[in-house]
């Protein structure tokens, strides 16, 4: 149980970091971060976006396991 909470905490920190980096890079390139799903992203941003989505999925999976 504690391991799961630690994993969730680590993933939340990772997601926060990824969100901040993604937003920073989007703005640096003149994009609105809110439009990420509606525009074709350059490869660097696409990789960050994909990593954020994977991290979100991992969090959802762990949260689901924690509720069982």
PDB file of N, CA and C in Angstrom:
ATOM      1  N   UNK A   1       0.827  -1.197   0.000  1.00  0.00           N
ATOM      2  CA  UNK A   1       0.000   0.000   0.000  1.00  0.00           C
ATOM      3  C   UNK A   1       0.866   1.253   0.000  1.00  0.00           C
ATOM      4  N   UNK A   2       1.877   1.293   0.875  1.00  0.00           N
ATOM      5  CA  UNK A   2       2.774   2.450   0.909  1.00  0.00           C
ATOM      6  C   UNK A   2       3.546   2.588  -0.389  1.00  0.00           C
ATOM      7  N   UNK A   3       3.934   1.442  -0.980  1.00  0.00           N
ATOM      8  CA  UNK A   3       4.643   1.494  -2.262  1.00  0.00           C
ATOM      9  C   UNK A   3       3.787   2.160  -3.328  1.00  0.00           C
ATOM     10  N   UNK A   4       2.512   1.837  -3.327  1.00  0.00           N
ATOM     11  CA  UNK A   4       1.591   2.414  -4.316  1.00  0.00           C
ATOM     12  C   UNK A   4       1.479   3.922  -4.097  1.00  0.00           C
ATOM     13  N   UNK A   5       1.383   4.348  -2.839  1.00  0.00           N
ATOM     14  CA  UNK A   5       1.305   5.784  -2.546  1.00  0.00           C
ATOM     15  C   UNK A   5       2.586   6.489  -2.970  1.00  0.00           C
ATOM     16  N   UNK A   6       3.729   5.831  -2.743  1.00  0.00           N
ATOM     17  CA  UNK A   6       5.005   6.409  -3.171  1.00  0.00           C
ATOM     18  C   UNK A   6       5.061   6.521  -4.687  1.00  0.00           C
ATOM     19  N   UNK A   7       4.598   5.472  -5.378  1.00  0.00           N
ATOM     20  CA  UNK A   7       4.578   5.489  -6.841  1.00  0.00           C
ATOM     21  C   UNK A   7       3.684   6.613  -7.348  1.00  0.00           C
ATOM     22  N   UNK A   8       2.521   6.763  -6.728  1.00  0.00           N
ATOM     23  CA  UNK A   8       1.597   7.822  -7.137  1.00  0.00           C
ATOM     24  C   UNK A   8       2.227   9.187  -6.892  1.00  0.00           C
ATOM     25  N   UNK A   9       2.861   9.358  -5.744  1.00  0.00           N
ATOM     26  CA  UNK A   9       3.514  10.624  -5.432  1.00  0.00           C
ATOM     27  C   UNK A   9       4.607  10.942  -6.450  1.00  0.00           C
ATOM     28  N   UNK A  10       5.408   9.949  -6.794  1.00  0.00           N
ATOM     29  CA  UNK A  10       6.475  10.141  -7.780  1.00  0.00           C
ATOM     30  C   UNK A  10       5.900  10.493  -9.146  1.00  0.00           C
ATOM     31  N   UNK A  11       4.821   9.816  -9.534  1.00  0.00           N
ATOM     32  CA  UNK A  11       4.203  10.101 -10.825  1.00  0.00           C
ATOM     33  C   UNK A  11       3.578  11.494 -10.848  1.00  0.00           C
ATOM     34  N   UNK A  12       2.994  11.911  -9.730  1.00  0.00           N
ATOM     35  CA  UNK A  12       2.430  13.255  -9.658  1.00  0.00           C
ATOM     36  C   UNK A  12       3.522  14.309  -9.803  1.00  0.00           C
ATOM     37  N   UNK A  13       4.660  14.080  -9.181  1.00  0.00           N
ATOM     38  CA  UNK A  13       5.780  15.010  -9.316  1.00  0.00           C
ATOM     39  C   UNK A  13       6.283  15.034 -10.759  1.00  0.00           C
ATOM     40  N   UNK A  14       6.392  13.850 -11.353  1.00  0.00           N
ATOM     41  CA  UNK A  14       6.850  13.766 -12.742  1.00  0.00           C
ATOM     42  C   UNK A  14       5.873  14.494 -13.665  1.00  0.00           C
ATOM     43  N   UNK A  15       4.583  14.277 -13.447  1.00  0.00           N
ATOM     44  CA  UNK A  15       3.567  14.916 -14.280  1.00  0.00           C
ATOM     45  C   UNK A  15       3.620  16.439 -14.129  1.00  0.00           C
ATOM     46  N   UNK A  16       3.790  16.907 -12.925  1.00  0.00           N
ATOM     47  CA  UNK A  16       3.889  18.345 -12.685  1.00  0.00           C
ATOM     48  C   UNK A  16       5.079  18.933 -13.438  1.00  0.00           C
ATOM     49  N   UNK A  17       6.193  18.235 -13.386  1.00  0.00           N
ATOM     50  CA  UNK A  17       7.393  18.678 -14.090  1.00  0.00           C
ATOM     51  C   UNK A  17       7.180  18.675 -15.602  1.00  0.00           C
ATOM     52  N   UNK A  18       6.577  17.600 -16.106  1.00  0.00           N
ATOM     53  CA  UNK A  18       6.297  17.505 -17.538  1.00  0.00           C
ATOM     54  C   UNK A  18       5.323  18.590 -17.989  1.00  0.00           C
ATOM     55  N   UNK A  19       4.299  18.844 -17.182  1.00  0.00           N
ATOM     56  CA  UNK A  19       3.337  19.895 -17.515  1.00  0.00           C
ATOM     57  C   UNK A  19       4.023  21.252 -17.626  1.00  0.00           C
ATOM     58  N   UNK A  20       4.875  21.551 -16.642  1.00  0.00           N
ATOM     59  CA  UNK A  20       5.571  22.843 -16.640  1.00  0.00           C
ATOM     60  C   UNK A  20       6.497  22.971 -17.847  1.00  0.00           C
ATOM     61  N   UNK A  21       7.245  21.909 -18.145  1.00  0.00           N
ATOM     62  CA  UNK A  21       8.169  21.937 -19.282  1.00  0.00           C
ATOM     63  C   UNK A  21       7.406  22.049 -20.598  1.00  0.00           C
ATOM     64  N   UNK A  22       6.319  21.307 -20.717  1.00  0.00           N
ATOM     65  CA  UNK A  22       5.509  21.355 -21.931  1.00  0.00           C
ATOM     66  C   UNK A  22       4.949  22.760 -22.140  1.00  0.00           C
ATOM     67  N   UNK A  23       4.383  23.334 -21.084  1.00  0.00           N
ATOM     68  CA  UNK A  23       3.815  24.680 -21.199  1.00  0.00           C
ATOM     69  C   UNK A  23       4.905  25.687 -21.557  1.00  0.00           C
ATOM     70  N   UNK A  24       6.059  25.586 -20.927  1.00  0.00           N
ATOM     71  CA  UNK A  24       7.153  26.510 -21.200  1.00  0.00           C
ATOM     72  C   UNK A  24       7.583  26.423 -22.665  1.00  0.00           C
ATOM     73  N   UNK A  25       7.744  25.194 -23.156  1.00  0.00           N
ATOM     74  CA  UNK A  25       8.184  25.024 -24.540  1.00  0.00           C
ATOM     75  C   UNK A  25       7.102  25.432 -25.545  1.00  0.00           C
ATOM     76  N   UNK A  26       5.851  25.178 -25.202  1.00  0.00           N
ATOM     77  CA  UNK A  26       4.759  25.609 -26.096  1.00  0.00           C
ATOM     78  C   UNK A  26       4.775  27.130 -26.229  1.00  0.00           C
ATOM     79  N   UNK A  27       4.841  27.812 -25.106  1.00  0.00           N
ATOM     80  CA  UNK A  27       4.821  29.282 -25.120  1.00  0.00           C
ATOM     81  C   UNK A  27       6.064  29.845 -25.816  1.00  0.00           C
ATOM     82  N   UNK A  28       7.212  29.200 -25.613  1.00  0.00           N
ATOM     83  CA  UNK A  28       8.445  29.660 -26.247  1.00  0.00           C
ATOM     84  C   UNK A  28       8.337  29.593 -27.771  1.00  0.00           C
ATOM     85  N   UNK A  29       7.502  28.680 -28.268  1.00  0.00           N
ATOM     86  CA  UNK A  29       7.319  28.526 -29.709  1.00  0.00           C
ATOM     87  C   UNK A  29       6.094  29.279 -30.222  1.00  0.00           C
ATOM     88  N   UNK A  30       5.455  30.038 -29.325  1.00  0.00           N
ATOM     89  CA  UNK A  30       4.318  30.850 -29.739  1.00  0.00           C
ATOM     90  C   UNK A  30       2.986  30.128 -29.769  1.00  0.00           C
ATOM     91  N   UNK A  31       2.914  28.950 -29.151  1.00  0.00           N
ATOM     92  CA  UNK A  31       1.664  28.186 -29.107  1.00  0.00           C
ATOM     93  C   UNK A  31       0.947  28.411 -27.785  1.00  0.00           C
ATOM     94  N   UNK A  32      -0.357  28.281 -27.814  1.00  0.00           N
ATOM     95  CA  UNK A  32      -1.160  28.283 -26.600  1.00  0.00           C
ATOM     96  C   UNK A  32      -1.236  26.832 -26.116  1.00  0.00           C
ATOM     97  N   UNK A  33      -0.758  26.544 -24.910  1.00  0.00           N
ATOM     98  CA  UNK A  33      -0.772  25.163 -24.404  1.00  0.00           C
ATOM     99  C   UNK A  33      -2.159  24.510 -24.398  1.00  0.00           C
ATOM    100  N   UNK A  34      -3.198  25.312 -24.301  1.00  0.00           N
ATOM    101  CA  UNK A  34      -4.560  24.773 -24.292  1.00  0.00           C
ATOM    102  C   UNK A  34      -4.958  24.176 -25.644  1.00  0.00           C
ATOM    103  N   UNK A  35      -4.230  24.517 -26.697  1.00  0.00           N
ATOM    104  CA  UNK A  35      -4.569  24.032 -28.032  1.00  0.00           C
ATOM    105  C   UNK A  35      -3.756  22.809 -28.445  1.00  0.00           C
ATOM    106  N   UNK A  36      -3.045  22.208 -27.529  1.00  0.00           N
ATOM    107  CA  UNK A  36      -2.133  21.107 -27.843  1.00  0.00           C
ATOM    108  C   UNK A  36      -2.818  19.960 -28.582  1.00  0.00           C
ATOM    109  N   UNK A  37      -4.073  19.689 -28.249  1.00  0.00           N
ATOM    110  CA  UNK A  37      -4.778  18.572 -28.880  1.00  0.00           C
ATOM    111  C   UNK A  37      -5.303  18.910 -30.270  1.00  0.00           C
ATOM    112  N   UNK A  38      -5.269  20.192 -30.619  1.00  0.00           N
ATOM    113  CA  UNK A  38      -5.875  20.628 -31.875  1.00  0.00           C
ATOM    114  C   UNK A  38      -4.876  21.042 -32.941  1.00  0.00           C
ATOM    115  N   UNK A  39      -3.590  20.950 -32.637  1.00  0.00           N
ATOM    116  CA  UNK A  39      -2.578  21.381 -33.605  1.00  0.00           C
ATOM    117  C   UNK A  39      -1.528  20.296 -33.791  1.00  0.00           C
ATOM    118  N   UNK A  40      -0.865  20.349 -34.921  1.00  0.00           N
ATOM    119  CA  UNK A  40       0.255  19.435 -35.159  1.00  0.00           C
ATOM    120  C   UNK A  40       1.457  19.984 -34.400  1.00  0.00           C
ATOM    121  N   UNK A  41       2.006  19.172 -33.525  1.00  0.00           N
ATOM    122  CA  UNK A  41       3.118  19.618 -32.691  1.00  0.00           C
ATOM    123  C   UNK A  41       4.455  19.239 -33.316  1.00  0.00           C
ATOM    124  N   UNK A  42       5.452  20.118 -33.187  1.00  0.00           N
ATOM    125  CA  UNK A  42       6.807  19.740 -33.593  1.00  0.00           C
ATOM    126  C   UNK A  42       7.252  18.524 -32.775  1.00  0.00           C
ATOM    127  N   UNK A  43       8.213  17.783 -33.272  1.00  0.00           N
ATOM    128  CA  UNK A  43       8.571  16.500 -32.657  1.00  0.00           C
ATOM    129  C   UNK A  43       8.943  16.603 -31.181  1.00  0.00           C
ATOM    130  N   UNK A  44       9.677  17.637 -30.785  1.00  0.00           N
ATOM    131  CA  UNK A  44      10.060  17.779 -29.381  1.00  0.00           C
ATOM    132  C   UNK A  44       8.828  17.931 -28.499  1.00  0.00           C
ATOM    133  N   UNK A  45       7.903  18.761 -28.940  1.00  0.00           N
ATOM    134  CA  UNK A  45       6.669  18.953 -28.177  1.00  0.00           C
ATOM    135  C   UNK A  45       5.792  17.707 -28.221  1.00  0.00           C
ATOM    136  N   UNK A  46       5.765  17.035 -29.341  1.00  0.00           N
ATOM    137  CA  UNK A  46       4.969  15.811 -29.460  1.00  0.00           C
ATOM    138  C   UNK A  46       5.478  14.746 -28.486  1.00  0.00           C
ATOM    139  N   UNK A  47       6.801  14.653 -28.339  1.00  0.00           N
ATOM    140  CA  UNK A  47       7.373  13.683 -27.402  1.00  0.00           C
ATOM    141  C   UNK A  47       6.998  14.029 -25.966  1.00  0.00           C
ATOM    142  N   UNK A  48       7.088  15.302 -25.611  1.00  0.00           N
ATOM    143  CA  UNK A  48       6.693  15.730 -24.266  1.00  0.00           C
ATOM    144  C   UNK A  48       5.211  15.455 -24.021  1.00  0.00           C
ATOM    145  N   UNK A  49       4.390  15.758 -25.020  1.00  0.00           N
ATOM    146  CA  UNK A  49       2.948  15.528 -24.908  1.00  0.00           C
ATOM    147  C   UNK A  49       2.664  14.042 -24.691  1.00  0.00           C
ATOM    148  N   UNK A  50       3.332  13.196 -25.458  1.00  0.00           N
ATOM    149  CA  UNK A  50       3.133  11.749 -25.328  1.00  0.00           C
ATOM    150  C   UNK A  50       3.577  11.260 -23.954  1.00  0.00           C
ATOM    151  N   UNK A  51       4.677  11.770 -23.449  1.00  0.00           N
ATOM    152  CA  UNK A  51       5.160  11.380 -22.116  1.00  0.00           C
ATOM    153  C   UNK A  51       4.169  11.814 -21.036  1.00  0.00           C
ATOM    154  N   UNK A  52       3.598  12.998 -21.196  1.00  0.00           N
ATOM    155  CA  UNK A  52       2.569  13.457 -20.243  1.00  0.00           C
ATOM    156  C   UNK A  52       1.372  12.512 -20.263  1.00  0.00           C
ATOM    157  N   UNK A  53       0.935  12.134 -21.449  1.00  0.00           N
ATOM    158  CA  UNK A  53      -0.219  11.248 -21.565  1.00  0.00           C
ATOM    159  C   UNK A  53       0.065   9.866 -20.956  1.00  0.00           C
ATOM    160  N   UNK A  54       1.281   9.337 -21.193  1.00  0.00           N
ATOM    161  CA  UNK A  54       1.662   8.051 -20.584  1.00  0.00           C
ATOM    162  C   UNK A  54       1.671   8.146 -19.063  1.00  0.00           C
ATOM    163  N   UNK A  55       2.187   9.246 -18.553  1.00  0.00           N
ATOM    164  CA  UNK A  55       2.245   9.437 -17.103  1.00  0.00           C
ATOM    165  C   UNK A  55       0.841   9.541 -16.519  1.00  0.00           C
ATOM    166  N   UNK A  56      -0.042  10.248 -17.200  1.00  0.00           N
ATOM    167  CA  UNK A  56      -1.437  10.343 -16.753  1.00  0.00           C
ATOM    168  C   UNK A  56      -2.089   8.958 -16.728  1.00  0.00           C
ATOM    169  N   UNK A  57      -1.831   8.166 -17.743  1.00  0.00           N
ATOM    170  CA  UNK A  57      -2.400   6.813 -17.813  1.00  0.00           C
ATOM    171  C   UNK A  57      -1.866   5.944 -16.676  1.00  0.00           C
ATOM    172  N   UNK A  58      -0.575   6.060 -16.379  1.00  0.00           N
ATOM    173  CA  UNK A  58       0.005   5.301 -15.272  1.00  0.00           C
ATOM    174  C   UNK A  58      -0.640   5.707 -13.951  1.00  0.00           C
ATOM    175  N   UNK A  59      -0.854   6.998 -13.773  1.00  0.00           N
ATOM    176  CA  UNK A  59      -1.501   7.476 -12.550  1.00  0.00           C
ATOM    177  C   UNK A  59      -2.915   6.919 -12.416  1.00  0.00           C
ATOM    178  N   UNK A  60      -3.658   6.946 -13.501  1.00  0.00           N
ATOM    179  CA  UNK A  60      -5.018   6.421 -13.481  1.00  0.00           C
ATOM    180  C   UNK A  60      -5.020   4.932 -13.145  1.00  0.00           C
ATOM    181  N   UNK A  61      -4.071   4.212 -13.709  1.00  0.00           N
ATOM    182  CA  UNK A  61      -3.970   2.779 -13.455  1.00  0.00           C
ATOM    183  C   UNK A  61      -3.651   2.518 -11.987  1.00  0.00           C
ATOM    184  N   UNK A  62      -2.693   3.233 -11.439  1.00  0.00           N
ATOM    185  CA  UNK A  62      -2.321   3.050 -10.036  1.00  0.00           C
ATOM    186  C   UNK A  62      -3.468   3.464  -9.111  1.00  0.00           C
ATOM    187  N   UNK A  63      -4.143   4.547  -9.449  1.00  0.00           N
ATOM    188  CA  UNK A  63      -5.260   4.993  -8.628  1.00  0.00           C
ATOM    189  C   UNK A  63      -6.371   3.945  -8.634  1.00  0.00           C
ATOM    190  N   UNK A  64      -6.602   3.334  -9.779  1.00  0.00           N
ATOM    191  CA  UNK A  64      -7.602   2.274  -9.883  1.00  0.00           C
ATOM    192  C   UNK A  64      -7.230   1.070  -9.047  1.00  0.00           C
ATOM    193  N   UNK A  65      -5.945   0.690  -9.077  1.00  0.00           N
ATOM    194  CA  UNK A  65      -5.472  -0.433  -8.281  1.00  0.00           C
ATOM    195  C   UNK A  65      -5.587  -0.119  -6.793  1.00  0.00           C
ATOM    196  N   UNK A  66      -5.337   1.124  -6.436  1.00  0.00           N
ATOM    197  CA  UNK A  66      -5.374   1.562  -5.043  1.00  0.00           C
ATOM    198  C   UNK A  66      -6.796   1.530  -4.510  1.00  0.00           C
ATOM    199  N   UNK A  67      -7.785   1.715  -5.390  1.00  0.00           N
ATOM    200  CA  UNK A  67      -9.188   1.719  -4.968  1.00  0.00           C
ATOM    201  C   UNK A  67      -9.787   0.318  -4.897  1.00  0.00           C
ATOM    202  N   UNK A  68      -9.102  -0.664  -5.450  1.00  0.00           N
ATOM    203  CA  UNK A  68      -9.630  -2.042  -5.427  1.00  0.00           C
ATOM    204  C   UNK A  68      -9.524  -2.680  -4.067  1.00  0.00           C
TER     205      UNK A  68
END
